[in-house]
Amino acid sequence: MSPATGSQSSAPLVTTKPPFGCAMLLMDLFRSYLHQHRLPVTHQREAIAMALFESEHQLSVDDLAERLRERGEHVGKATIYRTLSLLVQADLARELDFSEGFKRYEHQAGEAKHDHLICTGCGKVTRFTRQALDDLQERIAAEAGFAAQSRRLKIFGLCRECQAAAASGVAQGRREAAGAQAEAAAGGGRG
């Protein structure tokens, strides 16, 4: 329900930024997980975790390596992969496969269930929530006597920008073809 109007909003909620203080809370949870499993809390693990926890986006290993380099951190990709695996095991991060040939990762900061829109043109990933999807999932599970634990919905298509670019490219192509036909007609009349 919308607090301003008292009515349910049909627009999806798009999450963009982790809540304030979220990264530090997740870092504390990660340190506790490492301690509980008798694993060392290293500077490199903390740097990797913090880079992911502070991100507004789903990051690949290459994205994380670049962010760490920008911060002056020297961390090998093998260490990044191992740390991401620990974060996933600790339920502090989620591994995502958008059929790009590599995995992406995002933090799980006590977020509500969310799903993803994936642009096949530019690769942009947008998180969204829709109460209607949650309600539908609950109804389907209840009807089947099923206890749902998770859901992963990935919708592939073109974002607004790629649709506009494709439309202007089509329009541009039509204009060029029409111009070429007119030019050929005009040139064909010359003798």
N, C-alpha and C. Protein backbone atom coordinates (compact mmCIF):
# COMPACT_ATOMS: atom_id res chain seq x y z
N MET A 1 0.84 -1.19 0.00
CA MET A 1 0.00 0.00 0.00
C MET A 1 0.87 1.23 0.00
N SER A 2 0.44 2.22 -0.70
CA SER A 2 1.16 3.48 -0.75
C SER A 2 0.78 4.30 0.46
N PRO A 3 1.78 4.75 1.27
CA PRO A 3 1.43 5.52 2.46
C PRO A 3 0.74 6.82 2.12
N ALA A 4 1.05 7.40 0.96
CA ALA A 4 0.47 8.69 0.62
C ALA A 4 -0.99 8.56 0.21
N THR A 5 -1.32 7.50 -0.54
CA THR A 5 -2.67 7.40 -1.08
C THR A 5 -3.51 6.36 -0.38
N GLY A 6 -2.86 5.42 0.34
CA GLY A 6 -3.59 4.36 0.99
C GLY A 6 -4.02 3.27 0.02
N SER A 7 -3.55 3.35 -1.23
CA SER A 7 -3.91 2.34 -2.22
C SER A 7 -2.68 1.54 -2.61
N GLN A 8 -2.94 0.36 -3.20
CA GLN A 8 -1.82 -0.46 -3.65
C GLN A 8 -1.28 0.10 -4.93
N SER A 9 0.03 0.16 -5.04
CA SER A 9 0.67 0.64 -6.25
C SER A 9 0.93 -0.54 -7.16
N SER A 10 0.66 -0.38 -8.45
CA SER A 10 0.94 -1.45 -9.39
C SER A 10 2.32 -1.30 -10.02
N ALA A 11 2.98 -0.17 -9.79
CA ALA A 11 4.31 0.04 -10.35
C ALA A 11 5.33 -0.79 -9.58
N PRO A 12 6.29 -1.39 -10.30
CA PRO A 12 7.30 -2.18 -9.60
C PRO A 12 8.22 -1.28 -8.78
N LEU A 13 8.69 -1.79 -7.67
CA LEU A 13 9.66 -1.09 -6.86
C LEU A 13 11.03 -1.47 -7.40
N VAL A 14 11.79 -0.51 -7.84
CA VAL A 14 13.12 -0.77 -8.36
C VAL A 14 14.11 -0.38 -7.29
N THR A 15 14.90 -1.34 -6.84
CA THR A 15 15.88 -1.06 -5.80
C THR A 15 17.16 -0.64 -6.47
N THR A 16 17.80 0.38 -5.93
CA THR A 16 19.01 0.88 -6.55
C THR A 16 20.20 0.87 -5.60
N LYS A 17 19.99 1.20 -4.36
CA LYS A 17 21.11 1.42 -3.47
C LYS A 17 20.89 0.66 -2.17
N PRO A 18 21.97 0.05 -1.63
CA PRO A 18 21.82 -0.61 -0.33
C PRO A 18 21.43 0.41 0.74
N PRO A 19 20.64 -0.01 1.72
CA PRO A 19 20.27 0.91 2.80
C PRO A 19 21.51 1.42 3.53
N PHE A 20 21.42 2.63 4.08
CA PHE A 20 22.53 3.24 4.81
C PHE A 20 22.96 2.32 5.95
N GLY A 21 24.26 2.10 6.09
CA GLY A 21 24.80 1.27 7.16
C GLY A 21 24.75 -0.21 6.85
N CYS A 22 24.14 -0.55 5.75
CA CYS A 22 23.97 -1.95 5.37
C CYS A 22 25.31 -2.65 5.16
N ALA A 23 26.24 -1.99 4.49
CA ALA A 23 27.54 -2.61 4.20
C ALA A 23 28.27 -2.98 5.49
N MET A 24 28.24 -2.11 6.47
CA MET A 24 28.94 -2.39 7.73
C MET A 24 28.27 -3.54 8.49
N LEU A 25 26.95 -3.59 8.44
CA LEU A 25 26.22 -4.68 9.09
C LEU A 25 26.56 -6.01 8.41
N LEU A 26 26.55 -6.02 7.09
CA LEU A 26 26.91 -7.24 6.35
C LEU A 26 28.35 -7.64 6.64
N MET A 27 29.23 -6.66 6.77
CA MET A 27 30.63 -6.97 7.07
C MET A 27 30.74 -7.62 8.45
N ASP A 28 30.00 -7.12 9.42
CA ASP A 28 30.00 -7.73 10.75
C ASP A 28 29.50 -9.17 10.69
N LEU A 29 28.45 -9.40 9.90
CA LEU A 29 27.91 -10.76 9.75
C LEU A 29 28.94 -11.67 9.06
N PHE A 30 29.67 -11.15 8.10
CA PHE A 30 30.69 -11.94 7.40
C PHE A 30 31.82 -12.31 8.36
N ARG A 31 32.26 -11.34 9.15
CA ARG A 31 33.32 -11.64 10.13
C ARG A 31 32.85 -12.72 11.11
N SER A 32 31.61 -12.61 11.56
CA SER A 32 31.07 -13.63 12.48
C SER A 32 31.03 -15.00 11.82
N TYR A 33 30.63 -15.03 10.57
CA TYR A 33 30.59 -16.30 9.83
C TYR A 33 32.00 -16.90 9.75
N LEU A 34 32.98 -16.07 9.43
CA LEU A 34 34.36 -16.57 9.33
C LEU A 34 34.83 -17.10 10.68
N HIS A 35 34.56 -16.37 11.75
CA HIS A 35 34.96 -16.81 13.09
C HIS A 35 34.28 -18.14 13.45
N GLN A 36 32.99 -18.25 13.20
CA GLN A 36 32.24 -19.47 13.52
C GLN A 36 32.78 -20.69 12.78
N HIS A 37 33.29 -20.45 11.58
CA HIS A 37 33.82 -21.56 10.77
C HIS A 37 35.34 -21.66 10.86
N ARG A 38 35.91 -20.96 11.85
CA ARG A 38 37.34 -20.98 12.12
C ARG A 38 38.18 -20.68 10.87
N LEU A 39 37.73 -19.66 10.15
CA LEU A 39 38.44 -19.20 8.96
C LEU A 39 39.05 -17.83 9.26
N PRO A 40 40.21 -17.56 8.71
CA PRO A 40 40.84 -16.26 8.99
C PRO A 40 40.08 -15.08 8.39
N VAL A 41 40.04 -14.01 9.14
CA VAL A 41 39.49 -12.75 8.65
C VAL A 41 40.68 -11.98 8.09
N THR A 42 40.78 -11.95 6.76
CA THR A 42 41.93 -11.29 6.13
C THR A 42 41.51 -9.96 5.53
N HIS A 43 42.52 -9.12 5.33
CA HIS A 43 42.27 -7.81 4.71
C HIS A 43 41.66 -8.00 3.32
N GLN A 44 42.17 -8.97 2.56
CA GLN A 44 41.67 -9.19 1.20
C GLN A 44 40.21 -9.63 1.21
N ARG A 45 39.85 -10.54 2.09
CA ARG A 45 38.45 -10.97 2.18
C ARG A 45 37.54 -9.80 2.54
N GLU A 46 37.99 -8.99 3.49
CA GLU A 46 37.19 -7.83 3.88
C GLU A 46 37.04 -6.84 2.73
N ALA A 47 38.12 -6.61 1.99
CA ALA A 47 38.07 -5.66 0.87
C ALA A 47 37.10 -6.15 -0.21
N ILE A 48 37.15 -7.44 -0.51
CA ILE A 48 36.25 -8.01 -1.52
C ILE A 48 34.81 -7.90 -1.06
N ALA A 49 34.56 -8.32 0.17
CA ALA A 49 33.20 -8.27 0.72
C ALA A 49 32.67 -6.84 0.73
N MET A 50 33.48 -5.89 1.17
CA MET A 50 33.03 -4.51 1.25
C MET A 50 32.71 -3.95 -0.14
N ALA A 51 33.53 -4.29 -1.13
CA ALA A 51 33.27 -3.83 -2.50
C ALA A 51 31.91 -4.35 -2.98
N LEU A 52 31.60 -5.59 -2.67
CA LEU A 52 30.30 -6.14 -3.06
C LEU A 52 29.17 -5.52 -2.24
N PHE A 53 29.36 -5.41 -0.94
CA PHE A 53 28.31 -4.90 -0.06
C PHE A 53 27.96 -3.44 -0.37
N GLU A 54 28.93 -2.66 -0.83
CA GLU A 54 28.69 -1.25 -1.13
C GLU A 54 28.12 -1.03 -2.53
N SER A 55 28.05 -2.08 -3.32
CA SER A 55 27.62 -1.93 -4.70
C SER A 55 26.11 -1.82 -4.84
N GLU A 56 25.70 -1.03 -5.82
CA GLU A 56 24.30 -0.90 -6.18
C GLU A 56 23.95 -1.88 -7.31
N HIS A 57 24.95 -2.59 -7.83
CA HIS A 57 24.77 -3.42 -9.01
C HIS A 57 25.17 -4.86 -8.75
N GLN A 58 24.84 -5.71 -9.70
CA GLN A 58 25.29 -7.09 -9.68
C GLN A 58 26.67 -7.07 -10.35
N LEU A 59 27.66 -7.63 -9.67
CA LEU A 59 29.04 -7.53 -10.14
C LEU A 59 29.60 -8.88 -10.56
N SER A 60 30.39 -8.87 -11.61
CA SER A 60 31.13 -10.06 -12.02
C SER A 60 32.46 -10.05 -11.27
N VAL A 61 33.20 -11.14 -11.39
CA VAL A 61 34.52 -11.19 -10.76
C VAL A 61 35.41 -10.10 -11.37
N ASP A 62 35.31 -9.90 -12.68
CA ASP A 62 36.10 -8.83 -13.32
C ASP A 62 35.70 -7.46 -12.81
N ASP A 63 34.41 -7.22 -12.60
CA ASP A 63 33.95 -5.94 -12.04
C ASP A 63 34.55 -5.71 -10.66
N LEU A 64 34.52 -6.76 -9.84
CA LEU A 64 35.08 -6.65 -8.49
C LEU A 64 36.58 -6.40 -8.54
N ALA A 65 37.29 -7.12 -9.41
CA ALA A 65 38.74 -6.93 -9.53
C ALA A 65 39.06 -5.49 -9.92
N GLU A 66 38.27 -4.93 -10.84
CA GLU A 66 38.48 -3.54 -11.27
C GLU A 66 38.22 -2.56 -10.13
N ARG A 67 37.13 -2.76 -9.40
CA ARG A 67 36.82 -1.88 -8.27
C ARG A 67 37.92 -1.94 -7.21
N LEU A 68 38.42 -3.14 -6.96
CA LEU A 68 39.49 -3.29 -5.96
C LEU A 68 40.77 -2.60 -6.43
N ARG A 69 41.10 -2.74 -7.72
CA ARG A 69 42.28 -2.05 -8.26
C ARG A 69 42.14 -0.54 -8.11
N GLU A 70 40.93 -0.03 -8.39
CA GLU A 70 40.68 1.41 -8.26
C GLU A 70 40.88 1.88 -6.82
N ARG A 71 40.67 1.00 -5.86
CA ARG A 71 40.85 1.33 -4.43
C ARG A 71 42.28 1.08 -3.97
N GLY A 72 43.13 0.62 -4.89
CA GLY A 72 44.52 0.36 -4.53
C GLY A 72 44.74 -1.01 -3.90
N GLU A 73 43.77 -1.89 -4.03
CA GLU A 73 43.87 -3.24 -3.46
C GLU A 73 44.42 -4.18 -4.54
N HIS A 74 45.34 -5.04 -4.15
CA HIS A 74 45.91 -6.02 -5.08
C HIS A 74 45.42 -7.40 -4.65
N VAL A 75 44.38 -7.88 -5.36
CA VAL A 75 43.75 -9.14 -5.00
C VAL A 75 43.63 -9.98 -6.28
N GLY A 76 44.07 -11.22 -6.21
CA GLY A 76 43.97 -12.12 -7.34
C GLY A 76 42.55 -12.62 -7.55
N LYS A 77 42.26 -13.01 -8.79
CA LYS A 77 40.91 -13.48 -9.11
C LYS A 77 40.55 -14.76 -8.35
N ALA A 78 41.54 -15.62 -8.10
CA ALA A 78 41.25 -16.84 -7.35
C ALA A 78 40.76 -16.51 -5.95
N THR A 79 41.36 -15.50 -5.33
CA THR A 79 40.93 -15.06 -4.00
C THR A 79 39.52 -14.47 -4.06
N ILE A 80 39.24 -13.73 -5.12
CA ILE A 80 37.89 -13.16 -5.29
C ILE A 80 36.87 -14.29 -5.42
N TYR A 81 37.16 -15.28 -6.26
CA TYR A 81 36.24 -16.42 -6.41
C TYR A 81 36.01 -17.14 -5.08
N ARG A 82 37.08 -17.40 -4.34
CA ARG A 82 36.94 -18.12 -3.06
C ARG A 82 36.13 -17.30 -2.06
N THR A 83 36.37 -16.00 -2.02
CA THR A 83 35.65 -15.14 -1.08
C THR A 83 34.17 -15.04 -1.46
N LEU A 84 33.90 -14.93 -2.74
CA LEU A 84 32.50 -14.89 -3.18
C LEU A 84 31.79 -16.19 -2.81
N SER A 85 32.49 -17.31 -2.94
CA SER A 85 31.91 -18.59 -2.55
C SER A 85 31.56 -18.60 -1.06
N LEU A 86 32.43 -18.06 -0.25
CA LEU A 86 32.16 -17.96 1.20
C LEU A 86 30.95 -17.06 1.47
N LEU A 87 30.87 -15.94 0.76
CA LEU A 87 29.75 -15.01 0.95
C LEU A 87 28.42 -15.66 0.56
N VAL A 88 28.44 -16.47 -0.50
CA VAL A 88 27.23 -17.18 -0.91
C VAL A 88 26.86 -18.22 0.14
N GLN A 89 27.86 -18.98 0.63
CA GLN A 89 27.61 -19.99 1.66
C GLN A 89 27.05 -19.37 2.93
N ALA A 90 27.50 -18.14 3.23
CA ALA A 90 27.04 -17.44 4.43
C ALA A 90 25.68 -16.76 4.22
N ASP A 91 25.10 -16.90 3.04
CA ASP A 91 23.83 -16.26 2.68
C ASP A 91 23.91 -14.74 2.74
N LEU A 92 25.09 -14.21 2.50
CA LEU A 92 25.26 -12.76 2.46
C LEU A 92 25.33 -12.25 1.03
N ALA A 93 25.47 -13.16 0.08
CA ALA A 93 25.52 -12.81 -1.34
C ALA A 93 24.79 -13.89 -2.12
N ARG A 94 24.42 -13.51 -3.32
CA ARG A 94 23.71 -14.44 -4.19
C ARG A 94 24.43 -14.49 -5.53
N GLU A 95 24.59 -15.71 -6.05
CA GLU A 95 25.22 -15.90 -7.36
C GLU A 95 24.11 -15.88 -8.41
N LEU A 96 24.33 -15.11 -9.47
CA LEU A 96 23.33 -14.94 -10.51
C LEU A 96 23.91 -15.35 -11.86
N ASP A 97 23.12 -16.02 -12.66
CA ASP A 97 23.55 -16.42 -13.99
C ASP A 97 22.56 -15.83 -14.99
N PHE A 98 23.00 -14.83 -15.74
CA PHE A 98 22.16 -14.17 -16.73
C PHE A 98 22.50 -14.63 -18.14
N SER A 99 23.07 -15.83 -18.26
CA SER A 99 23.41 -16.43 -19.55
C SER A 99 24.37 -15.54 -20.36
N GLU A 100 25.34 -14.95 -19.67
CA GLU A 100 26.33 -14.10 -20.32
C GLU A 100 27.67 -14.81 -20.49
N GLY A 101 27.76 -16.04 -19.96
CA GLY A 101 29.02 -16.75 -20.01
C GLY A 101 29.85 -16.56 -18.75
N PHE A 102 29.33 -15.80 -17.79
CA PHE A 102 29.98 -15.61 -16.50
C PHE A 102 28.90 -15.34 -15.47
N LYS A 103 29.26 -15.45 -14.20
CA LYS A 103 28.31 -15.23 -13.11
C LYS A 103 28.44 -13.79 -12.61
N ARG A 104 27.38 -13.32 -12.03
CA ARG A 104 27.37 -12.03 -11.33
C ARG A 104 26.97 -12.31 -9.89
N TYR A 105 27.30 -11.38 -9.02
CA TYR A 105 27.01 -11.53 -7.60
C TYR A 105 26.38 -10.25 -7.08
N GLU A 106 25.47 -10.42 -6.12
CA GLU A 106 24.88 -9.27 -5.44
C GLU A 106 24.75 -9.60 -3.96
N HIS A 107 24.81 -8.56 -3.15
CA HIS A 107 24.66 -8.77 -1.70
C HIS A 107 23.20 -9.07 -1.40
N GLN A 108 22.99 -9.70 -0.27
CA GLN A 108 21.63 -9.98 0.20
C GLN A 108 21.47 -9.26 1.52
N ALA A 109 21.06 -8.04 1.44
CA ALA A 109 20.95 -7.19 2.62
C ALA A 109 19.55 -7.22 3.18
N GLY A 110 19.10 -8.39 3.55
CA GLY A 110 17.76 -8.50 4.11
C GLY A 110 16.71 -7.96 3.17
N GLU A 111 17.00 -8.05 1.87
CA GLU A 111 16.08 -7.51 0.89
C GLU A 111 14.84 -8.38 0.77
N ALA A 112 13.78 -7.74 0.35
CA ALA A 112 12.60 -8.51 -0.02
C ALA A 112 12.95 -9.32 -1.26
N LYS A 113 12.14 -10.32 -1.53
CA LYS A 113 12.34 -11.08 -2.76
C LYS A 113 12.36 -10.08 -3.91
N HIS A 114 13.24 -10.31 -4.85
CA HIS A 114 13.22 -9.47 -6.03
C HIS A 114 13.59 -10.30 -7.25
N ASP A 115 13.26 -9.77 -8.39
CA ASP A 115 13.50 -10.45 -9.65
C ASP A 115 14.30 -9.50 -10.54
N HIS A 116 14.62 -9.97 -11.75
CA HIS A 116 15.51 -9.19 -12.60
C HIS A 116 14.99 -9.03 -14.02
N LEU A 117 15.19 -7.84 -14.57
CA LEU A 117 14.99 -7.56 -15.98
C LEU A 117 16.38 -7.46 -16.59
N ILE A 118 16.67 -8.23 -17.62
CA ILE A 118 18.00 -8.26 -18.21
C ILE A 118 17.92 -7.81 -19.66
N CYS A 119 18.61 -6.74 -19.98
CA CYS A 119 18.62 -6.23 -21.35
C CYS A 119 19.59 -7.04 -22.19
N THR A 120 19.09 -7.63 -23.27
CA THR A 120 19.95 -8.42 -24.14
C THR A 120 20.74 -7.54 -25.10
N GLY A 121 20.42 -6.24 -25.11
CA GLY A 121 21.16 -5.31 -25.96
C GLY A 121 22.42 -4.79 -25.29
N CYS A 122 22.28 -4.26 -24.08
CA CYS A 122 23.42 -3.61 -23.41
C CYS A 122 23.87 -4.36 -22.15
N GLY A 123 23.11 -5.35 -21.70
CA GLY A 123 23.48 -6.11 -20.52
C GLY A 123 23.03 -5.51 -19.20
N LYS A 124 22.33 -4.38 -19.26
CA LYS A 124 21.84 -3.74 -18.03
C LYS A 124 20.90 -4.68 -17.27
N VAL A 125 21.08 -4.75 -15.95
CA VAL A 125 20.23 -5.59 -15.11
C VAL A 125 19.49 -4.68 -14.14
N THR A 126 18.18 -4.79 -14.10
CA THR A 126 17.35 -3.99 -13.21
C THR A 126 16.62 -4.92 -12.25
N ARG A 127 16.77 -4.65 -10.96
CA ARG A 127 16.04 -5.42 -9.96
C ARG A 127 14.66 -4.80 -9.80
N PHE A 128 13.66 -5.65 -9.56
CA PHE A 128 12.33 -5.13 -9.29
C PHE A 128 11.60 -6.08 -8.35
N THR A 129 10.61 -5.55 -7.66
CA THR A 129 9.73 -6.37 -6.84
C THR A 129 8.31 -6.10 -7.30
N ARG A 130 7.47 -7.09 -7.18
CA ARG A 130 6.08 -6.95 -7.54
C ARG A 130 5.29 -7.83 -6.59
N GLN A 131 4.47 -7.23 -5.77
CA GLN A 131 3.68 -7.98 -4.79
C GLN A 131 2.81 -9.02 -5.47
N ALA A 132 2.31 -8.70 -6.65
CA ALA A 132 1.45 -9.65 -7.38
C ALA A 132 2.20 -10.95 -7.67
N LEU A 133 3.50 -10.87 -7.97
CA LEU A 133 4.29 -12.09 -8.21
C LEU A 133 4.43 -12.90 -6.93
N ASP A 134 4.67 -12.20 -5.81
CA ASP A 134 4.80 -12.87 -4.52
C ASP A 134 3.48 -13.57 -4.16
N ASP A 135 2.37 -12.86 -4.38
CA ASP A 135 1.06 -13.44 -4.08
C ASP A 135 0.79 -14.66 -4.96
N LEU A 136 1.12 -14.54 -6.24
CA LEU A 136 0.92 -15.66 -7.16
C LEU A 136 1.76 -16.86 -6.75
N GLN A 137 3.00 -16.61 -6.37
CA GLN A 137 3.87 -17.70 -5.92
C GLN A 137 3.26 -18.40 -4.71
N GLU A 138 2.77 -17.64 -3.74
CA GLU A 138 2.17 -18.22 -2.55
C GLU A 138 0.93 -19.04 -2.90
N ARG A 139 0.08 -18.52 -3.80
CA ARG A 139 -1.13 -19.25 -4.19
C ARG A 139 -0.79 -20.56 -4.89
N ILE A 140 0.14 -20.51 -5.82
CA ILE A 140 0.53 -21.72 -6.56
C ILE A 140 1.11 -22.75 -5.61
N ALA A 141 2.00 -22.31 -4.73
CA ALA A 141 2.62 -23.23 -3.77
C ALA A 141 1.56 -23.84 -2.84
N ALA A 142 0.64 -23.01 -2.36
CA ALA A 142 -0.40 -23.51 -1.45
C ALA A 142 -1.30 -24.53 -2.15
N GLU A 143 -1.67 -24.23 -3.39
CA GLU A 143 -2.53 -25.16 -4.15
C GLU A 143 -1.84 -26.50 -4.36
N ALA A 144 -0.53 -26.50 -4.48
CA ALA A 144 0.22 -27.74 -4.72
C ALA A 144 0.71 -28.37 -3.42
N GLY A 145 0.41 -27.72 -2.27
CA GLY A 145 0.91 -28.22 -0.99
C GLY A 145 2.42 -28.16 -0.93
N PHE A 146 2.98 -27.09 -1.47
CA PHE A 146 4.42 -26.95 -1.64
C PHE A 146 4.93 -25.82 -0.75
N ALA A 147 6.07 -26.03 -0.10
CA ALA A 147 6.68 -24.98 0.72
C ALA A 147 7.82 -24.36 -0.09
N ALA A 148 7.54 -23.25 -0.75
CA ALA A 148 8.55 -22.58 -1.59
C ALA A 148 9.65 -21.99 -0.72
N GLN A 149 10.88 -22.17 -1.15
CA GLN A 149 12.02 -21.62 -0.43
C GLN A 149 12.63 -20.43 -1.15
N SER A 150 12.55 -20.42 -2.45
CA SER A 150 13.09 -19.30 -3.21
C SER A 150 12.47 -19.27 -4.59
N ARG A 151 12.73 -18.17 -5.28
CA ARG A 151 12.24 -18.01 -6.64
C ARG A 151 13.29 -17.18 -7.38
N ARG A 152 13.53 -17.51 -8.63
CA ARG A 152 14.41 -16.70 -9.46
C ARG A 152 13.72 -16.46 -10.79
N LEU A 153 13.29 -15.24 -10.98
CA LEU A 153 12.64 -14.86 -12.23
C LEU A 153 13.57 -13.92 -12.97
N LYS A 154 13.90 -14.28 -14.20
CA LYS A 154 14.75 -13.45 -15.05
C LYS A 154 13.97 -13.18 -16.33
N ILE A 155 13.71 -11.92 -16.60
CA ILE A 155 12.99 -11.54 -17.81
C ILE A 155 13.99 -10.89 -18.76
N PHE A 156 14.16 -11.50 -19.93
CA PHE A 156 15.12 -11.01 -20.92
C PHE A 156 14.38 -10.19 -21.97
N GLY A 157 14.98 -9.09 -22.39
CA GLY A 157 14.39 -8.24 -23.42
C GLY A 157 15.26 -7.02 -23.64
N LEU A 158 14.68 -5.95 -24.16
CA LEU A 158 15.42 -4.72 -24.42
C LEU A 158 14.96 -3.61 -23.48
N CYS A 159 15.90 -2.91 -22.89
CA CYS A 159 15.58 -1.76 -22.03
C CYS A 159 15.08 -0.60 -22.91
N ARG A 160 14.58 0.44 -22.28
CA ARG A 160 14.05 1.59 -23.03
C ARG A 160 15.10 2.17 -23.98
N GLU A 161 16.33 2.33 -23.47
CA GLU A 161 17.38 2.94 -24.28
C GLU A 161 17.68 2.09 -25.52
N CYS A 162 17.77 0.77 -25.35
CA CYS A 162 18.07 -0.10 -26.48
C CYS A 162 16.89 -0.17 -27.45
N GLN A 163 15.66 -0.10 -26.92
CA GLN A 163 14.50 -0.06 -27.81
C GLN A 163 14.52 1.22 -28.64
N ALA A 164 14.84 2.34 -27.99
CA ALA A 164 14.89 3.62 -28.70
C ALA A 164 16.00 3.60 -29.75
N ALA A 165 17.16 3.04 -29.37
CA ALA A 165 18.27 2.97 -30.32
C ALA A 165 17.91 2.08 -31.51
N ALA A 166 17.24 0.96 -31.22
CA ALA A 166 16.84 0.06 -32.30
C ALA A 166 15.80 0.73 -33.19
N ALA A 167 14.85 1.44 -32.60
CA ALA A 167 13.82 2.11 -33.38
C ALA A 167 14.42 3.21 -34.24
N SER A 168 15.35 3.99 -33.67
CA SER A 168 15.96 5.06 -34.47
C SER A 168 16.88 4.47 -35.53
N GLY A 169 17.50 3.33 -35.26
CA GLY A 169 18.33 2.66 -36.26
C GLY A 169 17.49 2.15 -37.41
N VAL A 170 16.31 1.61 -37.10
CA VAL A 170 15.39 1.13 -38.14
C VAL A 170 14.90 2.32 -38.95
N ALA A 171 14.52 3.39 -38.24
CA ALA A 171 14.04 4.58 -38.94
C ALA A 171 15.15 5.17 -39.80
N GLN A 172 16.36 5.21 -39.25
CA GLN A 172 17.50 5.74 -39.99
C GLN A 172 17.75 4.88 -41.22
N GLY A 173 17.69 3.55 -41.04
CA GLY A 173 17.90 2.64 -42.17
C GLY A 173 16.85 2.83 -43.25
N ARG A 174 15.59 3.05 -42.84
CA ARG A 174 14.52 3.29 -43.82
C ARG A 174 14.75 4.60 -44.56
N ARG A 175 15.19 5.64 -43.81
CA ARG A 175 15.45 6.94 -44.45
C ARG A 175 16.59 6.80 -45.46
N GLU A 176 17.65 6.07 -45.07
CA GLU A 176 18.78 5.89 -45.99
C GLU A 176 18.36 5.11 -47.22
N ALA A 177 17.55 4.06 -47.04
CA ALA A 177 17.08 3.27 -48.18
C ALA A 177 16.21 4.11 -49.10
N ALA A 178 15.32 4.93 -48.52
CA ALA A 178 14.45 5.79 -49.32
C ALA A 178 15.28 6.82 -50.07
N GLY A 179 16.30 7.35 -49.40
CA GLY A 179 17.19 8.32 -50.05
C GLY A 179 17.94 7.69 -51.20
N ALA A 180 18.40 6.46 -51.01
CA ALA A 180 19.14 5.76 -52.07
C ALA A 180 18.22 5.48 -53.25
N GLN A 181 16.96 5.10 -52.96
CA GLN A 181 16.01 4.83 -54.05
C GLN A 181 15.72 6.12 -54.81
N ALA A 182 15.52 7.21 -54.10
CA ALA A 182 15.25 8.49 -54.75
C ALA A 182 16.44 8.92 -55.59
N GLU A 183 17.64 8.72 -55.03
CA GLU A 183 18.85 9.08 -55.76
C GLU A 183 18.99 8.22 -57.01
N ALA A 184 18.71 6.93 -56.90
CA ALA A 184 18.80 6.04 -58.07
C ALA A 184 17.77 6.43 -59.11
N ALA A 185 16.57 6.78 -58.66
CA ALA A 185 15.52 7.21 -59.61
C ALA A 185 15.93 8.48 -60.31
N ALA A 186 16.50 9.41 -59.54
CA ALA A 186 16.91 10.69 -60.12
C ALA A 186 18.09 10.48 -61.06
N GLY A 187 19.02 9.62 -60.65
CA GLY A 187 20.19 9.33 -61.48
C GLY A 187 19.85 8.55 -62.72
N GLY A 188 18.80 7.67 -62.60
CA GLY A 188 18.40 6.83 -63.72
C GLY A 188 17.75 7.65 -64.82
N GLY A 189 17.23 8.85 -64.51
CA GLY A 189 16.55 9.69 -65.51
C GLY A 189 17.53 10.52 -66.30
N ARG A 190 18.78 10.54 -65.89
CA ARG A 190 19.78 11.33 -66.59
C ARG A 190 20.33 10.54 -67.76
N GLY A 191 20.71 11.23 -68.76
CA GLY A 191 21.21 10.50 -69.89
C GLY A 191 22.43 11.02 -70.34
